[in-house]
Amino acid sequence: MSLNISSLNSTLHAQPVLTYNVLALVFGVLLIIVIICGNVLVCISVYKEKALKTTTNYFIVSLAVADLLLAVLVLPLFIYAEFQGGVWSLNLALCDGLMTMDVMLCTASIFNLCAISVDRFIAVSIPLNYNLKHVDHRQILLLSATWLLALAVASPVIFGINNVPQRDPRECKLEDNIYVVYSSVCSFFIPCPIMLLLYFGMFHGLRKWEEARKAKLRNSIQACRRLQHAAVATAFPPLGALPRVIERDLAQSSLEDLDDLTQPSCPFPPEYKNSSIQSVAYPEIRNGQPAKQKKRAKINGRERKAMRVLPVVVGVFLFCWTPFFVVHTTRALCESCHISPYLMSTVTWLGYVNSALNPIIYTVFNTEFRKFFRGFLQRCC
């Protein structure tokens, strides 16, 4: 009898008591809803709204798809484990699938941001002919490479690298420390500095292009003024001043308005346009309008608006995911270091929250996204 009691006591002590984390469950369900609703809106807005069909936004849709898959395939199982106090009670094969999707989708998010930086750097830096002829193929190549490389980084988990001896079935994590370091380096520590350098080069080149564009526009305005003065002096010698309509149009074309994307008009008096009087020729001006350029501008207005939101997206992404990779890499490299499970859980939650922040960033910093979201929600509600 005493033997049975002692064996029963040892069995009870061997089974840890589950503590349910209701807060993690509630917060996790809300997080999934926000991620799905926000990123579905992003995809619909780019599909529906013509003003949002830009090169940059196609990559943003790919990033939104990665966030959507994270919310559908990864977060439910992660939240279930967190609800049980971090204890994994499901099949280990399901755990390996969870780890595979987690690594792949996180890597895909980083590689999507890198692909945007590569594409925009090429658009700003490479000659215009290349940009116009190869932009579609370049997008397809970069998007395909993004997902294939992300799958390649996560594939070792599929092929059994997590099946180590004496594996704890009540804990779902990446078991091989070498693979943890490898995946962190490939997914974060190498792409992020490259991405930041490319973004720096992109915005530096874009600023130089903007300055050149403004200088060219300034020269066009000055040539337009000289031509109008010559036209009035030749066709209407009694006039001592320009007609009011010309003065008004010139005032509207002041140098303070150069930030607008449209070229300022330079109208001619109708009498002068219909007359045969010869005047000074300015090759930059034809019929009161600047001559059309043979090559289109590198970045149009919609692209520039889409690109302005990129520093915020990248900054928030680094803020959310840097602690995760630093903590996990430290735990893999320093087995004797004690890292609190609460810290591990916190940095993981912070990384997943990033998937809900991107649609909010687009709403705050992009006018077209904000208009579409507002109109769509008003129609639905």
Protein backbone atom coordinates (compact mmCIF):
# COMPACT_ATOMS: atom_id res chain seq x y z
CA MET A 1 0.00 0.00 0.00
CA SER A 2 2.78 2.41 0.95
CA LEU A 3 4.55 1.48 -2.29
CA ASN A 4 1.48 2.46 -4.31
CA ILE A 5 1.15 5.77 -2.47
CA SER A 6 4.79 6.65 -3.01
CA SER A 7 4.57 5.79 -6.70
CA LEU A 8 1.40 7.93 -6.99
CA ASN A 9 3.16 10.87 -5.30
CA SER A 10 6.13 10.59 -7.64
CA THR A 11 3.76 10.56 -10.63
CA LEU A 12 1.98 13.68 -9.40
CA HIS A 13 5.27 15.50 -8.88
CA ALA A 14 6.48 14.47 -12.37
CA GLN A 15 3.49 16.11 -14.08
CA PRO A 16 3.77 19.91 -14.11
CA VAL A 17 0.60 21.77 -13.39
CA LEU A 18 -0.63 23.81 -16.37
CA THR A 19 -1.25 27.51 -15.71
CA TYR A 20 -3.53 29.03 -18.30
CA ASN A 21 -2.61 32.48 -19.60
CA VAL A 22 -5.97 34.06 -20.44
CA LEU A 23 -4.39 37.44 -21.20
CA ALA A 24 -2.22 35.87 -23.92
CA LEU A 25 -5.30 34.21 -25.42
CA VAL A 26 -7.36 37.44 -25.54
CA PHE A 27 -4.49 39.55 -26.84
CA GLY A 28 -3.55 36.89 -29.38
CA VAL A 29 -7.07 36.60 -30.81
CA LEU A 30 -7.32 40.39 -31.13
CA LEU A 31 -3.90 40.48 -32.78
CA ILE A 32 -4.94 37.87 -35.34
CA ILE A 33 -8.12 39.83 -36.18
CA VAL A 34 -6.20 43.10 -36.59
CA ILE A 35 -3.51 41.48 -38.77
CA ILE A 36 -6.02 39.76 -41.05
CA CYS A 37 -8.33 42.77 -41.44
CA GLY A 38 -5.52 45.29 -41.95
CA ASN A 39 -3.49 43.29 -44.46
CA VAL A 40 -6.57 42.17 -46.41
CA LEU A 41 -7.44 45.87 -46.76
CA VAL A 42 -3.93 46.57 -48.06
CA CYS A 43 -4.25 43.86 -50.73
CA ILE A 44 -7.74 44.98 -51.76
CA SER A 45 -6.71 48.65 -51.93
CA VAL A 46 -3.80 47.98 -54.30
CA TYR A 47 -6.03 45.72 -56.43
CA LYS A 48 -8.93 48.21 -56.60
CA GLU A 49 -7.33 51.66 -56.49
CA LYS A 50 -5.55 52.79 -59.64
CA ALA A 51 -3.50 55.38 -57.76
CA LEU A 52 -1.98 52.60 -55.63
CA LYS A 53 -0.85 50.41 -58.53
CA THR A 54 2.84 51.26 -58.19
CA THR A 55 5.97 49.15 -58.19
CA THR A 56 6.63 49.78 -54.51
CA ASN A 57 3.08 48.84 -53.53
CA TYR A 58 3.31 45.49 -55.34
CA PHE A 59 6.13 44.58 -52.99
CA ILE A 60 4.08 45.90 -50.08
CA VAL A 61 1.33 43.47 -51.12
CA SER A 62 3.86 40.63 -50.98
CA LEU A 63 4.80 41.78 -47.48
CA ALA A 64 1.10 41.85 -46.54
CA VAL A 65 0.68 38.28 -47.82
CA ALA A 66 3.54 37.15 -45.56
CA ASP A 67 1.83 38.83 -42.60
CA LEU A 68 -1.50 37.22 -43.50
CA LEU A 69 0.05 33.74 -43.67
CA LEU A 70 1.72 34.39 -40.33
CA ALA A 71 -1.66 35.24 -38.78
CA VAL A 72 -3.33 32.16 -40.24
CA LEU A 73 -0.63 29.46 -39.99
CA VAL A 74 1.66 30.47 -37.12
CA LEU A 75 -0.14 32.64 -34.59
CA PRO A 76 -3.00 30.25 -33.69
CA LEU A 77 -0.61 27.49 -32.61
CA PHE A 78 1.73 29.94 -30.90
CA ILE A 79 -1.15 31.50 -28.98
CA TYR A 80 -2.41 28.05 -27.98
CA ALA A 81 1.00 27.22 -26.50
CA GLU A 82 1.19 30.58 -24.75
CA PHE A 83 -2.30 30.05 -23.33
CA GLN A 84 -1.02 26.83 -21.75
CA GLY A 85 1.86 28.65 -20.12
CA GLY A 86 4.36 27.97 -22.88
CA VAL A 87 3.84 24.20 -22.72
CA TRP A 88 3.51 22.35 -26.04
CA SER A 89 0.89 19.60 -25.83
CA LEU A 90 0.45 18.81 -29.53
CA ASN A 91 2.30 16.54 -31.95
CA LEU A 92 6.01 17.22 -32.50
CA ALA A 93 5.52 17.02 -36.27
CA LEU A 94 3.06 19.91 -35.94
CA CYS A 95 5.69 21.78 -33.93
CA ASP A 96 8.22 21.31 -36.74
CA GLY A 97 5.67 22.61 -39.23
CA LEU A 98 5.08 25.62 -37.01
CA MET A 99 8.82 26.33 -36.76
CA THR A 100 9.21 25.97 -40.53
CA MET A 101 6.44 28.45 -41.32
CA ASP A 102 7.63 30.82 -38.61
CA VAL A 103 11.18 30.96 -39.98
CA MET A 104 10.03 31.14 -43.61
CA LEU A 105 7.47 33.92 -43.15
CA CYS A 106 9.71 36.04 -40.94
CA THR A 107 12.51 35.64 -43.49
CA ALA A 108 10.11 36.45 -46.34
CA SER A 109 9.14 39.71 -44.61
CA ILE A 110 12.77 40.78 -44.32
CA PHE A 111 13.58 39.69 -47.87
CA ASN A 112 10.54 41.60 -49.19
CA LEU A 113 11.89 44.78 -47.63
CA CYS A 114 15.28 43.98 -49.17
CA ALA A 115 13.66 43.40 -52.56
CA ILE A 116 11.99 46.81 -52.35
CA SER A 117 15.34 48.41 -51.57
CA VAL A 118 17.04 46.62 -54.49
CA ASP A 119 14.29 47.50 -56.97
CA ARG A 120 14.08 51.16 -55.92
CA PHE A 121 17.88 51.52 -55.86
CA ILE A 122 18.01 50.22 -59.44
CA ALA A 123 15.15 52.52 -60.48
CA VAL A 124 17.00 55.56 -59.12
CA SER A 125 20.55 54.62 -60.11
CA ILE A 126 20.39 52.70 -63.42
CA PRO A 127 19.89 54.55 -66.75
CA LEU A 128 16.30 55.18 -67.78
CA ASN A 129 16.13 52.77 -70.69
CA TYR A 130 16.95 49.83 -68.45
CA ASN A 131 14.39 50.97 -65.92
CA LEU A 132 11.60 51.23 -68.49
CA LYS A 133 12.26 48.00 -70.36
CA HIS A 134 12.98 45.61 -67.53
CA VAL A 135 10.88 46.82 -64.63
CA ASP A 136 8.22 44.08 -64.93
CA HIS A 137 10.72 41.26 -65.25
CA ARG A 138 12.75 42.66 -62.39
CA GLN A 139 9.72 42.71 -60.10
CA ILE A 140 8.82 39.11 -60.91
CA LEU A 141 12.41 37.99 -60.42
CA LEU A 142 12.78 39.77 -57.09
CA LEU A 143 9.44 38.55 -55.73
CA SER A 144 10.19 34.96 -56.76
CA ALA A 145 13.68 35.10 -55.28
CA THR A 146 12.25 36.51 -52.04
CA TRP A 147 9.98 33.53 -51.39
CA LEU A 148 12.35 30.88 -52.73
CA LEU A 149 15.23 32.08 -50.55
CA ALA A 150 12.92 32.27 -47.52
CA LEU A 151 11.87 28.67 -48.16
CA ALA A 152 15.52 27.64 -48.53
CA VAL A 153 16.42 29.16 -45.16
CA ALA A 154 13.53 27.34 -43.45
CA SER A 155 13.89 24.01 -45.29
CA PRO A 156 16.34 22.33 -42.83
CA VAL A 157 13.52 22.17 -40.27
CA ILE A 158 11.39 20.23 -42.76
CA PHE A 159 14.22 17.75 -43.33
CA GLY A 160 14.50 16.89 -39.64
CA ILE A 161 17.17 19.15 -38.14
CA ASN A 162 14.87 19.59 -35.11
CA ASN A 163 14.93 15.85 -34.34
CA VAL A 164 17.72 15.89 -31.77
CA PRO A 165 18.30 13.26 -29.05
CA GLN A 166 16.50 13.77 -25.72
CA ARG A 167 14.15 16.32 -27.20
CA ASP A 168 11.63 17.70 -24.73
CA PRO A 169 8.15 16.99 -26.18
CA ARG A 170 6.57 19.68 -24.02
CA GLU A 171 8.60 22.49 -25.57
CA CYS A 172 8.31 23.74 -29.15
CA LYS A 173 11.41 25.55 -30.33
CA LEU A 174 14.36 25.29 -32.70
CA GLU A 175 16.53 22.63 -31.08
CA ASP A 176 19.77 22.93 -33.06
CA ASN A 177 21.79 25.93 -31.87
CA ILE A 178 23.94 25.96 -35.00
CA TYR A 179 20.82 26.25 -37.14
CA VAL A 180 19.49 29.04 -34.89
CA VAL A 181 22.65 31.06 -35.58
CA TYR A 182 22.59 30.16 -39.29
CA SER A 183 18.96 31.17 -39.76
CA SER A 184 19.43 34.40 -37.78
CA VAL A 185 22.44 35.40 -39.87
CA CYS A 186 20.74 34.55 -43.18
CA SER A 187 17.38 36.03 -42.23
CA PHE A 188 18.40 39.17 -40.36
CA PHE A 189 22.03 40.03 -39.65
CA ILE A 190 23.16 39.93 -43.30
CA PRO A 191 20.07 41.33 -45.11
CA CYS A 192 19.42 44.23 -42.75
CA PRO A 193 22.75 46.12 -43.18
CA ILE A 194 22.56 45.58 -46.96
CA MET A 195 18.98 46.85 -46.96
CA LEU A 196 19.89 49.95 -44.97
CA LEU A 197 22.81 50.75 -47.28
CA LEU A 198 20.59 50.38 -50.35
CA TYR A 199 17.92 52.61 -48.85
CA PHE A 200 20.54 55.22 -48.03
CA GLY A 201 21.84 55.10 -51.60
CA MET A 202 18.30 55.19 -52.99
CA PHE A 203 17.23 58.29 -51.09
CA HIS A 204 20.56 59.99 -51.77
CA GLY A 205 20.11 59.39 -55.51
CA LEU A 206 16.46 60.44 -55.33
CA ARG A 207 17.41 63.70 -53.62
CA LYS A 208 19.99 64.47 -56.33
CA TRP A 209 17.43 63.69 -59.02
CA GLU A 210 14.91 65.99 -57.32
CA GLU A 211 17.44 68.82 -57.26
CA ALA A 212 18.20 68.33 -60.96
CA ARG A 213 14.48 68.25 -61.78
CA LYS A 214 13.86 71.49 -59.89
CA ALA A 215 16.80 73.18 -61.59
CA LYS A 216 15.48 72.15 -65.02
CA LEU A 217 12.01 73.39 -64.12
CA ARG A 218 13.46 76.67 -62.88
CA ASN A 219 15.26 77.17 -66.21
CA SER A 220 12.03 76.45 -68.09
CA ILE A 221 10.16 79.09 -66.10
CA GLN A 222 12.86 81.66 -66.72
CA ALA A 223 12.89 80.89 -70.46
CA CYS A 224 9.11 81.16 -70.49
CA ARG A 225 9.27 84.62 -68.92
CA ARG A 226 11.86 85.82 -71.43
CA LEU A 227 9.75 84.52 -74.31
CA GLN A 228 6.62 86.23 -73.03
CA HIS A 229 8.43 89.53 -72.64
CA ALA A 230 9.79 89.20 -76.19
CA ALA A 231 6.34 88.29 -77.54
CA VAL A 232 4.64 91.25 -75.89
CA ALA A 233 7.38 93.68 -76.93
CA THR A 234 7.17 92.53 -80.57
CA ALA A 235 3.45 92.08 -81.04
CA PHE A 236 2.13 94.83 -78.77
CA PRO A 237 4.65 97.69 -78.62
CA PRO A 238 2.23 100.16 -76.98
CA LEU A 239 1.76 97.95 -73.95
CA GLY A 240 3.90 98.92 -71.01
CA ALA A 241 3.20 95.83 -68.98
CA LEU A 242 2.25 92.21 -69.46
CA PRO A 243 -1.46 91.34 -69.65
CA ARG A 244 -3.01 90.47 -66.34
CA VAL A 245 -3.64 86.86 -67.28
CA ILE A 246 0.07 86.34 -68.00
CA GLU A 247 1.11 88.10 -64.81
CA ARG A 248 -1.27 85.90 -62.83
CA ASP A 249 -0.04 82.70 -64.45
CA LEU A 250 3.58 83.66 -63.87
CA ALA A 251 2.85 84.43 -60.24
CA GLN A 252 1.31 80.97 -59.87
CA SER A 253 4.47 79.47 -61.34
CA SER A 254 6.75 80.93 -58.66
CA LEU A 255 9.73 78.98 -57.45
CA GLU A 256 8.06 78.23 -54.14
CA ASP A 257 5.64 75.89 -55.98
CA LEU A 258 8.32 73.70 -57.50
CA ASP A 259 7.45 70.79 -55.25
CA ASP A 260 4.29 70.14 -57.26
CA LEU A 261 4.52 67.33 -59.74
CA THR A 262 2.84 69.19 -62.61
CA GLN A 263 4.82 71.42 -64.91
CA PRO A 264 3.73 75.07 -64.65
CA SER A 265 1.97 76.39 -67.72
CA CYS A 266 3.30 79.28 -69.72
CA PRO A 267 0.35 80.62 -71.75
CA PHE A 268 0.64 82.81 -74.77
CA PRO A 269 -1.80 85.61 -75.65
CA PRO A 270 -4.24 84.24 -78.26
CA GLU A 271 -3.36 87.08 -80.64
CA TYR A 272 0.27 86.08 -80.57
CA LYS A 273 -0.40 82.36 -81.12
CA ASN A 274 -2.43 83.13 -84.27
CA SER A 275 -0.07 85.76 -85.70
CA SER A 276 2.83 85.30 -88.13
CA ILE A 277 5.23 87.59 -86.28
CA GLN A 278 8.70 86.13 -85.81
CA SER A 279 10.21 86.18 -82.37
CA VAL A 280 13.11 84.82 -80.42
CA ALA A 281 13.25 81.00 -80.52
CA TYR A 282 13.68 79.04 -77.32
CA PRO A 283 14.07 75.30 -77.99
CA GLU A 284 12.92 74.47 -74.46
CA ILE A 285 9.48 76.06 -75.08
CA ARG A 286 6.92 75.05 -77.68
CA ASN A 287 3.57 76.85 -77.86
CA GLY A 288 3.90 78.01 -74.28
CA GLN A 289 4.63 74.52 -72.92
CA PRO A 290 8.01 73.00 -72.06
CA ALA A 291 9.12 70.59 -74.77
CA LYS A 292 8.27 66.97 -74.05
CA GLN A 293 11.20 64.92 -72.90
CA LYS A 294 12.17 61.91 -74.97
CA LYS A 295 12.54 59.85 -71.82
CA ARG A 296 10.09 59.72 -68.96
CA ALA A 297 11.04 60.61 -65.43
CA LYS A 298 12.56 57.83 -63.37
CA ILE A 299 10.11 58.05 -60.48
CA ASN A 300 6.63 59.47 -60.93
CA GLY A 301 4.59 61.17 -58.23
CA ARG A 302 2.79 58.05 -57.07
CA GLU A 303 6.05 56.15 -56.72
CA ARG A 304 7.58 58.94 -54.67
CA LYS A 305 4.58 58.97 -52.31
CA ALA A 306 4.84 55.21 -51.92
CA MET A 307 8.59 55.45 -51.27
CA ARG A 308 8.19 58.04 -48.53
CA VAL A 309 6.53 55.46 -46.27
CA LEU A 310 9.38 52.96 -46.63
CA PRO A 311 11.72 54.42 -43.95
CA VAL A 312 8.91 54.18 -41.40
CA VAL A 313 8.12 50.57 -42.38
CA VAL A 314 11.78 49.55 -42.16
CA GLY A 315 12.34 51.43 -38.89
CA VAL A 316 9.34 49.82 -37.18
CA PHE A 317 10.33 46.41 -38.52
CA LEU A 318 13.84 46.71 -37.08
CA PHE A 319 12.45 47.96 -33.76
CA CYS A 320 10.14 44.96 -33.47
CA TRP A 321 12.42 42.17 -34.69
CA THR A 322 15.92 43.17 -33.56
CA PRO A 323 15.33 42.16 -29.90
CA PHE A 324 14.02 38.76 -31.03
CA PHE A 325 17.08 37.89 -33.10
CA VAL A 326 19.53 39.27 -30.57
CA VAL A 327 17.99 37.29 -27.70
CA HIS A 328 17.63 34.05 -29.64
CA THR A 329 21.16 34.25 -31.05
CA THR A 330 22.56 34.98 -27.60
CA ARG A 331 20.77 31.96 -26.16
CA ALA A 332 22.17 29.75 -28.92
CA LEU A 333 25.75 31.00 -28.59
CA CYS A 334 25.85 31.15 -24.79
CA GLU A 335 24.35 27.96 -23.39
CA SER A 336 25.42 28.85 -19.87
CA CYS A 337 23.59 32.20 -19.96
CA HIS A 338 20.23 32.22 -18.26
CA ILE A 339 17.59 33.95 -20.35
CA SER A 340 14.20 34.27 -18.73
CA PRO A 341 11.28 32.54 -20.51
CA TYR A 342 9.32 35.74 -19.99
CA LEU A 343 11.94 37.66 -21.99
CA MET A 344 11.79 35.08 -24.76
CA SER A 345 8.01 35.32 -24.86
CA THR A 346 8.06 39.13 -24.83
CA VAL A 347 10.46 39.54 -27.75
CA THR A 348 8.51 36.94 -29.75
CA TRP A 349 5.23 38.78 -29.17
CA LEU A 350 6.92 42.06 -30.15
CA GLY A 351 8.01 40.55 -33.47
CA TYR A 352 4.51 39.29 -34.24
CA VAL A 353 2.97 42.67 -33.40
CA ASN A 354 4.89 44.11 -36.34
CA SER A 355 2.53 42.31 -38.73
CA ALA A 356 -0.35 44.40 -37.37
CA LEU A 357 1.52 47.71 -37.52
CA ASN A 358 2.22 47.92 -41.26
CA PRO A 359 -1.40 48.67 -42.34
CA ILE A 360 -1.55 51.33 -39.61
CA ILE A 361 1.66 52.88 -40.96
CA TYR A 362 0.24 52.98 -44.50
CA THR A 363 -2.93 54.64 -43.22
CA VAL A 364 -1.05 57.34 -41.32
CA PHE A 365 1.69 58.15 -43.83
CA ASN A 366 0.10 57.50 -47.24
CA THR A 367 -2.81 59.64 -48.43
CA GLU A 368 -4.06 57.18 -51.07
CA PHE A 369 -4.20 54.29 -48.61
CA ARG A 370 -5.96 56.48 -46.06
CA LYS A 371 -8.59 57.63 -48.56
CA PHE A 372 -9.29 54.09 -49.73
CA PHE A 373 -9.48 52.68 -46.20
CA ARG A 374 -11.88 55.43 -45.12
CA GLY A 375 -14.11 54.99 -48.15
CA PHE A 376 -14.09 51.21 -47.95
CA LEU A 377 -14.99 51.19 -44.26
CA GLN A 378 -17.77 53.73 -44.82
CA ARG A 379 -19.28 51.57 -47.56
CA CYS A 380 -19.05 48.44 -45.39
CA CYS A 381 -20.45 50.10 -42.26
